[in-house]
PDB file of N, CA and C in Angstrom:
ATOM      1  N   MET A   1       0.842  -1.166   0.000  1.00  0.00           N
ATOM      2  CA  MET A   1       0.000   0.000   0.000  1.00  0.00           C
ATOM      3  C   MET A   1       0.895   1.239   0.000  1.00  0.00           C
ATOM      4  N   GLU A   2       0.700   2.112  -0.947  1.00  0.00           N
ATOM      5  CA  GLU A   2       1.460   3.352  -1.040  1.00  0.00           C
ATOM      6  C   GLU A   2       0.812   4.398  -0.146  1.00  0.00           C
ATOM      7  N   ILE A   3       1.584   4.948   0.778  1.00  0.00           N
ATOM      8  CA  ILE A   3       1.086   5.997   1.657  1.00  0.00           C
ATOM      9  C   ILE A   3       1.474   7.358   1.097  1.00  0.00           C
ATOM     10  N   TYR A   4       2.717   7.473   0.651  1.00  0.00           N
ATOM     11  CA  TYR A   4       3.190   8.690   0.016  1.00  0.00           C
ATOM     12  C   TYR A   4       4.356   8.335  -0.890  1.00  0.00           C
ATOM     13  N   SER A   5       4.599   9.200  -1.848  1.00  0.00           N
ATOM     14  CA  SER A   5       5.744   9.011  -2.733  1.00  0.00           C
ATOM     15  C   SER A   5       6.089  10.339  -3.368  1.00  0.00           C
ATOM     16  N   PHE A   6       7.315  10.411  -3.878  1.00  0.00           N
ATOM     17  CA  PHE A   6       7.687  11.549  -4.696  1.00  0.00           C
ATOM     18  C   PHE A   6       8.803  11.137  -5.637  1.00  0.00           C
ATOM     19  N   THR A   7       8.836  11.787  -6.776  1.00  0.00           N
ATOM     20  CA  THR A   7       9.871  11.575  -7.779  1.00  0.00           C
ATOM     21  C   THR A   7      10.439  12.938  -8.126  1.00  0.00           C
ATOM     22  N   VAL A   8      11.769  13.034  -8.127  1.00  0.00           N
ATOM     23  CA  VAL A   8      12.437  14.291  -8.457  1.00  0.00           C
ATOM     24  C   VAL A   8      13.245  14.071  -9.724  1.00  0.00           C
ATOM     25  N   ARG A   9      12.977  14.874 -10.730  1.00  0.00           N
ATOM     26  CA  ARG A   9      13.747  14.861 -11.984  1.00  0.00           C
ATOM     27  C   ARG A   9      14.130  16.299 -12.271  1.00  0.00           C
ATOM     28  N   GLY A  10      15.411  16.618 -12.051  1.00  0.00           N
ATOM     29  CA  GLY A  10      15.844  18.007 -12.226  1.00  0.00           C
ATOM     30  C   GLY A  10      15.149  18.884 -11.207  1.00  0.00           C
ATOM     31  N   THR A  11      14.384  19.868 -11.684  1.00  0.00           N
ATOM     32  CA  THR A  11      13.640  20.742 -10.769  1.00  0.00           C
ATOM     33  C   THR A  11      12.172  20.345 -10.663  1.00  0.00           C
ATOM     34  N   GLU A  12      11.759  19.312 -11.420  1.00  0.00           N
ATOM     35  CA  GLU A  12      10.369  18.863 -11.395  1.00  0.00           C
ATOM     36  C   GLU A  12      10.155  17.833 -10.291  1.00  0.00           C
ATOM     37  N   VAL A  13       9.106  18.034  -9.482  1.00  0.00           N
ATOM     38  CA  VAL A  13       8.769  17.105  -8.399  1.00  0.00           C
ATOM     39  C   VAL A  13       7.336  16.627  -8.597  1.00  0.00           C
ATOM     40  N   GLN A  14       7.146  15.311  -8.627  1.00  0.00           N
ATOM     41  CA  GLN A  14       5.809  14.726  -8.673  1.00  0.00           C
ATOM     42  C   GLN A  14       5.558  14.092  -7.314  1.00  0.00           C
ATOM     43  N   ARG A  15       4.401  14.366  -6.719  1.00  0.00           N
ATOM     44  CA  ARG A  15       4.080  13.875  -5.378  1.00  0.00           C
ATOM     45  C   ARG A  15       2.769  13.095  -5.365  1.00  0.00           C
ATOM     46  N   SER A  16       2.691  12.217  -4.382  1.00  0.00           N
ATOM     47  CA  SER A  16       1.462  11.497  -4.113  1.00  0.00           C
ATOM     48  C   SER A  16       1.388  11.307  -2.604  1.00  0.00           C
ATOM     49  N   GLY A  17       0.280  11.707  -1.998  1.00  0.00           N
ATOM     50  CA  GLY A  17       0.130  11.555  -0.552  1.00  0.00           C
ATOM     51  C   GLY A  17       0.859  12.639   0.222  1.00  0.00           C
ATOM     52  N   ALA A  18       0.773  12.571   1.541  1.00  0.00           N
ATOM     53  CA  ALA A  18       1.387  13.550   2.441  1.00  0.00           C
ATOM     54  C   ALA A  18       2.771  13.061   2.857  1.00  0.00           C
ATOM     55  N   THR A  19       3.807  13.691   2.333  1.00  0.00           N
ATOM     56  CA  THR A  19       5.188  13.314   2.632  1.00  0.00           C
ATOM     57  C   THR A  19       5.571  13.845   4.012  1.00  0.00           C
ATOM     58  N   PRO A  20       6.216  13.035   4.861  1.00  0.00           N
ATOM     59  CA  PRO A  20       6.676  13.530   6.156  1.00  0.00           C
ATOM     60  C   PRO A  20       7.636  14.713   5.962  1.00  0.00           C
ATOM     61  N   GLU A  21       7.610  15.654   6.871  1.00  0.00           N
ATOM     62  CA  GLU A  21       8.440  16.862   6.758  1.00  0.00           C
ATOM     63  C   GLU A  21       9.917  16.530   6.571  1.00  0.00           C
ATOM     64  N   ALA A  22      10.407  15.514   7.280  1.00  0.00           N
ATOM     65  CA  ALA A  22      11.826  15.149   7.186  1.00  0.00           C
ATOM     66  C   ALA A  22      12.210  14.670   5.791  1.00  0.00           C
ATOM     67  N   LEU A  23      11.235  14.175   5.018  1.00  0.00           N
ATOM     68  CA  LEU A  23      11.507  13.670   3.668  1.00  0.00           C
ATOM     69  C   LEU A  23      10.969  14.591   2.572  1.00  0.00           C
ATOM     70  N   ASP A  24      10.559  15.787   2.932  1.00  0.00           N
ATOM     71  CA  ASP A  24      10.013  16.735   1.970  1.00  0.00           C
ATOM     72  C   ASP A  24      11.072  17.090   0.932  1.00  0.00           C
ATOM     73  N   PRO A  25      10.814  16.808  -0.357  1.00  0.00           N
ATOM     74  CA  PRO A  25      11.818  17.091  -1.382  1.00  0.00           C
ATOM     75  C   PRO A  25      12.184  18.580  -1.459  1.00  0.00           C
ATOM     76  N   ALA A  26      11.282  19.458  -1.067  1.00  0.00           N
ATOM     77  CA  ALA A  26      11.596  20.895  -1.071  1.00  0.00           C
ATOM     78  C   ALA A  26      12.711  21.208  -0.067  1.00  0.00           C
ATOM     79  N   ARG A  27      12.831  20.411   0.980  1.00  0.00           N
ATOM     80  CA  ARG A  27      13.912  20.582   1.970  1.00  0.00           C
ATOM     81  C   ARG A  27      15.183  19.866   1.540  1.00  0.00           C
ATOM     82  N   LEU A  28      15.039  18.735   0.858  1.00  0.00           N
ATOM     83  CA  LEU A  28      16.185  17.874   0.567  1.00  0.00           C
ATOM     84  C   LEU A  28      16.879  18.177  -0.762  1.00  0.00           C
ATOM     85  N   PHE A  29      16.168  18.775  -1.699  1.00  0.00           N
ATOM     86  CA  PHE A  29      16.734  18.996  -3.030  1.00  0.00           C
ATOM     87  C   PHE A  29      16.764  20.490  -3.345  1.00  0.00           C
ATOM     88  N   LEU A  30      17.665  21.193  -2.692  1.00  0.00           N
ATOM     89  CA  LEU A  30      17.802  22.629  -2.907  1.00  0.00           C
ATOM     90  C   LEU A  30      18.834  22.884  -4.002  1.00  0.00           C
ATOM     91  N   PRO A  31      18.524  23.787  -4.950  1.00  0.00           N
ATOM     92  CA  PRO A  31      19.436  24.002  -6.068  1.00  0.00           C
ATOM     93  C   PRO A  31      20.815  24.519  -5.649  1.00  0.00           C
ATOM     94  N   GLU A  32      20.894  25.221  -4.529  1.00  0.00           N
ATOM     95  CA  GLU A  32      22.178  25.786  -4.099  1.00  0.00           C
ATOM     96  C   GLU A  32      23.069  24.783  -3.356  1.00  0.00           C
ATOM     97  N   VAL A  33      22.531  23.593  -3.034  1.00  0.00           N
ATOM     98  CA  VAL A  33      23.304  22.582  -2.318  1.00  0.00           C
ATOM     99  C   VAL A  33      23.953  21.641  -3.337  1.00  0.00           C
ATOM    100  N   PRO A  34      25.282  21.441  -3.248  1.00  0.00           N
ATOM    101  CA  PRO A  34      25.945  20.510  -4.181  1.00  0.00           C
ATOM    102  C   PRO A  34      25.301  19.116  -4.109  1.00  0.00           C
ATOM    103  N   GLN A  35      25.305  18.405  -5.237  1.00  0.00           N
ATOM    104  CA  GLN A  35      24.616  17.117  -5.334  1.00  0.00           C
ATOM    105  C   GLN A  35      25.102  16.116  -4.282  1.00  0.00           C
ATOM    106  N   LEU A  36      26.398  16.032  -4.058  1.00  0.00           N
ATOM    107  CA  LEU A  36      26.915  15.072  -3.081  1.00  0.00           C
ATOM    108  C   LEU A  36      26.403  15.390  -1.678  1.00  0.00           C
ATOM    109  N   ASP A  37      26.371  16.661  -1.323  1.00  0.00           N
ATOM    110  CA  ASP A  37      25.832  17.053  -0.013  1.00  0.00           C
ATOM    111  C   ASP A  37      24.339  16.743   0.078  1.00  0.00           C
ATOM    112  N   ALA A  38      23.615  16.976  -1.018  1.00  0.00           N
ATOM    113  CA  ALA A  38      22.176  16.677  -1.038  1.00  0.00           C
ATOM    114  C   ALA A  38      21.935  15.182  -0.854  1.00  0.00           C
ATOM    115  N   GLU A  39      22.770  14.348  -1.491  1.00  0.00           N
ATOM    116  CA  GLU A  39      22.627  12.895  -1.331  1.00  0.00           C
ATOM    117  C   GLU A  39      22.890  12.485   0.113  1.00  0.00           C
ATOM    118  N   ARG A  40      23.879  13.085   0.734  1.00  0.00           N
ATOM    119  CA  ARG A  40      24.165  12.777   2.147  1.00  0.00           C
ATOM    120  C   ARG A  40      22.989  13.167   3.040  1.00  0.00           C
ATOM    121  N   GLN A  41      22.411  14.349   2.780  1.00  0.00           N
ATOM    122  CA  GLN A  41      21.258  14.794   3.566  1.00  0.00           C
ATOM    123  C   GLN A  41      20.076  13.844   3.380  1.00  0.00           C
ATOM    124  N   LEU A  42      19.871  13.390   2.145  1.00  0.00           N
ATOM    125  CA  LEU A  42      18.776  12.462   1.875  1.00  0.00           C
ATOM    126  C   LEU A  42      18.985  11.134   2.597  1.00  0.00           C
ATOM    127  N   LEU A  43      20.209  10.602   2.540  1.00  0.00           N
ATOM    128  CA  LEU A  43      20.499   9.349   3.245  1.00  0.00           C
ATOM    129  C   LEU A  43      20.299   9.502   4.753  1.00  0.00           C
ATOM    130  N   ALA A  44      20.734  10.628   5.300  1.00  0.00           N
ATOM    131  CA  ALA A  44      20.542  10.872   6.739  1.00  0.00           C
ATOM    132  C   ALA A  44      19.057  10.954   7.075  1.00  0.00           C
ATOM    133  N   ALA A  45      18.272  11.623   6.226  1.00  0.00           N
ATOM    134  CA  ALA A  45      16.831  11.745   6.469  1.00  0.00           C
ATOM    135  C   ALA A  45      16.145  10.382   6.385  1.00  0.00           C
ATOM    136  N   LEU A  46      16.525   9.563   5.401  1.00  0.00           N
ATOM    137  CA  LEU A  46      15.941   8.218   5.289  1.00  0.00           C
ATOM    138  C   LEU A  46      16.287   7.362   6.503  1.00  0.00           C
ATOM    139  N   HIS A  47      17.516   7.499   6.986  1.00  0.00           N
ATOM    140  CA  HIS A  47      17.920   6.737   8.164  1.00  0.00           C
ATOM    141  C   HIS A  47      17.152   7.200   9.403  1.00  0.00           C
ATOM    142  N   THR A  48      17.050   8.514   9.580  1.00  0.00           N
ATOM    143  CA  THR A  48      16.362   9.056  10.755  1.00  0.00           C
ATOM    144  C   THR A  48      14.867   8.745  10.732  1.00  0.00           C
ATOM    145  N   GLU A  49      14.232   8.962   9.580  1.00  0.00           N
ATOM    146  CA  GLU A  49      12.775   8.813   9.480  1.00  0.00           C
ATOM    147  C   GLU A  49      12.329   7.353   9.414  1.00  0.00           C
ATOM    148  N   LEU A  50      13.070   6.521   8.658  1.00  0.00           N
ATOM    149  CA  LEU A  50      12.611   5.155   8.401  1.00  0.00           C
ATOM    150  C   LEU A  50      13.556   4.069   8.897  1.00  0.00           C
ATOM    151  N   GLY A  51      14.724   4.459   9.403  1.00  0.00           N
ATOM    152  CA  GLY A  51      15.685   3.474   9.868  1.00  0.00           C
ATOM    153  C   GLY A  51      16.402   2.757   8.734  1.00  0.00           C
ATOM    154  N   LEU A  52      16.378   3.327   7.526  1.00  0.00           N
ATOM    155  CA  LEU A  52      17.010   2.695   6.368  1.00  0.00           C
ATOM    156  C   LEU A  52      18.487   3.055   6.288  1.00  0.00           C
ATOM    157  N   SER A  53      19.262   2.152   5.729  1.00  0.00           N
ATOM    158  CA  SER A  53      20.664   2.445   5.467  1.00  0.00           C
ATOM    159  C   SER A  53      21.093   1.661   4.237  1.00  0.00           C
ATOM    160  N   LEU A  54      22.181   2.099   3.620  1.00  0.00           N
ATOM    161  CA  LEU A  54      22.710   1.426   2.444  1.00  0.00           C
ATOM    162  C   LEU A  54      23.952   0.640   2.812  1.00  0.00           C
ATOM    163  N   PRO A  55      24.241  -0.422   2.081  1.00  0.00           N
ATOM    164  CA  PRO A  55      25.485  -1.155   2.326  1.00  0.00           C
ATOM    165  C   PRO A  55      26.688  -0.248   2.061  1.00  0.00           C
ATOM    166  N   ARG A  56      27.780  -0.480   2.787  1.00  0.00           N
ATOM    167  CA  ARG A  56      28.989   0.327   2.619  1.00  0.00           C
ATOM    168  C   ARG A  56      29.446   0.355   1.164  1.00  0.00           C
ATOM    169  N   PHE A  57      29.309  -0.770   0.442  1.00  0.00           N
ATOM    170  CA  PHE A  57      29.709  -0.815  -0.960  1.00  0.00           C
ATOM    171  C   PHE A  57      28.994   0.268  -1.766  1.00  0.00           C
ATOM    172  N   ALA A  58      27.700   0.404  -1.552  1.00  0.00           N
ATOM    173  CA  ALA A  58      26.935   1.406  -2.288  1.00  0.00           C
ATOM    174  C   ALA A  58      27.400   2.818  -1.941  1.00  0.00           C
ATOM    175  N   LEU A  59      27.745   3.033  -0.693  1.00  0.00           N
ATOM    176  CA  LEU A  59      28.187   4.368  -0.278  1.00  0.00           C
ATOM    177  C   LEU A  59      29.580   4.696  -0.790  1.00  0.00           C
ATOM    178  N   THR A  60      30.442   3.692  -0.896  1.00  0.00           N
ATOM    179  CA  THR A  60      31.821   3.957  -1.299  1.00  0.00           C
ATOM    180  C   THR A  60      32.042   3.806  -2.797  1.00  0.00           C
ATOM    181  N   GLN A  61      31.184   3.038  -3.486  1.00  0.00           N
ATOM    182  CA  GLN A  61      31.392   2.773  -4.906  1.00  0.00           C
ATOM    183  C   GLN A  61      30.449   3.551  -5.811  1.00  0.00           C
ATOM    184  N   GLY A  62      29.638   4.411  -5.251  1.00  0.00           N
ATOM    185  CA  GLY A  62      28.795   5.261  -6.087  1.00  0.00           C
ATOM    186  C   GLY A  62      27.361   4.794  -6.175  1.00  0.00           C
ATOM    187  N   SER A  63      26.684   5.316  -7.167  1.00  0.00           N
ATOM    188  CA  SER A  63      25.247   5.096  -7.330  1.00  0.00           C
ATOM    189  C   SER A  63      24.915   3.626  -7.537  1.00  0.00           C
ATOM    190  N   LEU A  64      23.761   3.248  -7.029  1.00  0.00           N
ATOM    191  CA  LEU A  64      23.245   1.910  -7.270  1.00  0.00           C
ATOM    192  C   LEU A  64      22.608   1.865  -8.652  1.00  0.00           C
ATOM    193  N   ARG A  65      22.505   0.706  -9.220  1.00  0.00           N
ATOM    194  CA  ARG A  65      21.858   0.536 -10.513  1.00  0.00           C
ATOM    195  C   ARG A  65      20.373   0.868 -10.383  1.00  0.00           C
ATOM    196  N   THR A  66      19.788   1.330 -11.448  1.00  0.00           N
ATOM    197  CA  THR A  66      18.363   1.641 -11.443  1.00  0.00           C
ATOM    198  C   THR A  66      17.674   0.812 -12.527  1.00  0.00           C
ATOM    199  N   ILE A  67      16.376   0.668 -12.378  1.00  0.00           N
ATOM    200  CA  ILE A  67      15.577  -0.031 -13.378  1.00  0.00           C
ATOM    201  C   ILE A  67      14.328   0.794 -13.650  1.00  0.00           C
ATOM    202  N   THR A  68      13.751   0.598 -14.809  1.00  0.00           N
ATOM    203  CA  THR A  68      12.486   1.232 -15.146  1.00  0.00           C
ATOM    204  C   THR A  68      11.386   0.252 -14.799  1.00  0.00           C
ATOM    205  N   THR A  69      10.391   0.728 -14.089  1.00  0.00           N
ATOM    206  CA  THR A  69       9.304  -0.160 -13.668  1.00  0.00           C
ATOM    207  C   THR A  69       8.055   0.084 -14.498  1.00  0.00           C
ATOM    208  N   ARG A  70       7.149  -0.843 -14.439  1.00  0.00           N
ATOM    209  CA  ARG A  70       5.837  -0.695 -15.062  1.00  0.00           C
ATOM    210  C   ARG A  70       4.918   0.022 -14.079  1.00  0.00           C
ATOM    211  N   SER A  71       3.767   0.405 -14.568  1.00  0.00           N
ATOM    212  CA  SER A  71       2.792   1.084 -13.731  1.00  0.00           C
ATOM    213  C   SER A  71       2.430   0.233 -12.518  1.00  0.00           C
ATOM    214  N   TRP A  72       2.315   0.856 -11.371  1.00  0.00           N
ATOM    215  CA  TRP A  72       1.917   0.154 -10.150  1.00  0.00           C
ATOM    216  C   TRP A  72       0.423   0.238  -9.933  1.00  0.00           C
ATOM    217  N   THR A  73      -0.267   0.976 -10.782  1.00  0.00           N
ATOM    218  CA  THR A  73      -1.690   1.207 -10.550  1.00  0.00           C
ATOM    219  C   THR A  73      -2.580   0.440 -11.518  1.00  0.00           C
ATOM    220  N   ARG A  74      -1.992  -0.443 -12.315  1.00  0.00           N
ATOM    221  CA  ARG A  74      -2.797  -1.260 -13.221  1.00  0.00           C
ATOM    222  C   ARG A  74      -2.254  -2.685 -13.226  1.00  0.00           C
ATOM    223  N   ALA A  75      -3.084  -3.596 -13.643  1.00  0.00           N
ATOM    224  CA  ALA A  75      -2.661  -4.997 -13.744  1.00  0.00           C
ATOM    225  C   ALA A  75      -1.670  -5.141 -14.901  1.00  0.00           C
ATOM    226  N   PRO A  76      -0.790  -6.137 -14.836  1.00  0.00           N
ATOM    227  CA  PRO A  76       0.152  -6.350 -15.940  1.00  0.00           C
ATOM    228  C   PRO A  76      -0.577  -6.651 -17.245  1.00  0.00           C
ATOM    229  N   ARG A  77      -0.038  -6.122 -18.327  1.00  0.00           N
ATOM    230  CA  ARG A  77      -0.583  -6.415 -19.657  1.00  0.00           C
ATOM    231  C   ARG A  77       0.061  -7.692 -20.186  1.00  0.00           C
ATOM    232  N   ALA A  78      -0.422  -8.164 -21.311  1.00  0.00           N
ATOM    233  CA  ALA A  78       0.119  -9.378 -21.923  1.00  0.00           C
ATOM    234  C   ALA A  78       1.625  -9.225 -22.124  1.00  0.00           C
ATOM    235  N   GLY A  79       2.390 -10.222 -21.680  1.00  0.00           N
ATOM    236  CA  GLY A  79       3.840 -10.191 -21.826  1.00  0.00           C
ATOM    237  C   GLY A  79       4.575  -9.469 -20.708  1.00  0.00           C
ATOM    238  N   GLU A  80       3.861  -8.790 -19.817  1.00  0.00           N
ATOM    239  CA  GLU A  80       4.484  -8.098 -18.690  1.00  0.00           C
ATOM    240  C   GLU A  80       4.404  -8.976 -17.450  1.00  0.00           C
ATOM    241  N   GLY A  81       5.456  -8.992 -16.686  1.00  0.00           N
ATOM    242  CA  GLY A  81       5.448  -9.693 -15.408  1.00  0.00           C
ATOM    243  C   GLY A  81       5.337  -8.681 -14.284  1.00  0.00           C
ATOM    244  N   PHE A  82       5.316  -9.184 -13.060  1.00  0.00           N
ATOM    245  CA  PHE A  82       5.297  -8.271 -11.924  1.00  0.00           C
ATOM    246  C   PHE A  82       5.923  -8.944 -10.721  1.00  0.00           C
ATOM    247  N   VAL A  83       6.342  -8.140  -9.790  1.00  0.00           N
ATOM    248  CA  VAL A  83       6.904  -8.605  -8.530  1.00  0.00           C
ATOM    249  C   VAL A  83       6.252  -7.803  -7.424  1.00  0.00           C
ATOM    250  N   HIS A  84       5.886  -8.460  -6.365  1.00  0.00           N
ATOM    251  CA  HIS A  84       5.348  -7.768  -5.191  1.00  0.00           C
ATOM    252  C   HIS A  84       6.450  -7.742  -4.143  1.00  0.00           C
ATOM    253  N   VAL A  85       6.821  -6.548  -3.695  1.00  0.00           N
ATOM    254  CA  VAL A  85       7.871  -6.389  -2.692  1.00  0.00           C
ATOM    255  C   VAL A  85       7.257  -5.747  -1.467  1.00  0.00           C
ATOM    256  N   GLY A  86       7.547  -6.299  -0.321  1.00  0.00           N
ATOM    257  CA  GLY A  86       7.066  -5.724   0.930  1.00  0.00           C
ATOM    258  C   GLY A  86       8.228  -5.437   1.864  1.00  0.00           C
ATOM    259  N   PHE A  87       8.077  -4.446   2.688  1.00  0.00           N
ATOM    260  CA  PHE A  87       9.098  -4.088   3.662  1.00  0.00           C
ATOM    261  C   PHE A  87       8.488  -4.145   5.046  1.00  0.00           C
ATOM    262  N   VAL A  88       9.232  -4.704   5.976  1.00  0.00           N
ATOM    263  CA  VAL A  88       8.804  -4.764   7.371  1.00  0.00           C
ATOM    264  C   VAL A  88       9.821  -3.986   8.175  1.00  0.00           C
ATOM    265  N   ARG A  89       9.338  -3.066   8.976  1.00  0.00           N
ATOM    266  CA  ARG A  89      10.228  -2.237   9.787  1.00  0.00           C
ATOM    267  C   ARG A  89      10.389  -2.876  11.155  1.00  0.00           C
ATOM    268  N   HIS A  90      11.639  -3.123  11.543  1.00  0.00           N
ATOM    269  CA  HIS A  90      11.950  -3.698  12.841  1.00  0.00           C
ATOM    270  C   HIS A  90      12.670  -2.641  13.676  1.00  0.00           C
ATOM    271  N   ARG A  91      12.164  -2.386  14.824  1.00  0.00           N
ATOM    272  CA  ARG A  91      12.807  -1.433  15.736  1.00  0.00           C
ATOM    273  C   ARG A  91      13.740  -2.174  16.672  1.00  0.00           C
ATOM    274  N   ARG A  92      14.889  -1.579  16.921  1.00  0.00           N
ATOM    275  CA  ARG A  92      15.829  -2.181  17.874  1.00  0.00           C
ATOM    276  C   ARG A  92      15.654  -1.588  19.229  1.00  0.00           C
TER     277      ARG A  92
END
């Protein structure tokens, strides 16, 4: 179930739902902040807000690979597959 989401491409931001203040793209993606600093701020915000972290390899070796996904709001069409991914948050 999607509660909120956002996509940032350049200066364009697409939103869905109410994004928590700590993850607000208007706070995290400021044009005057260098990209590397912005990425660090985003990682810190994800860790603080959701407890997420990246493997050291990803942090030291650069960007992770990306993939293009199909629509999440419609059933797969002929020839398209799908994967359901769920996340469970564990507090320590």
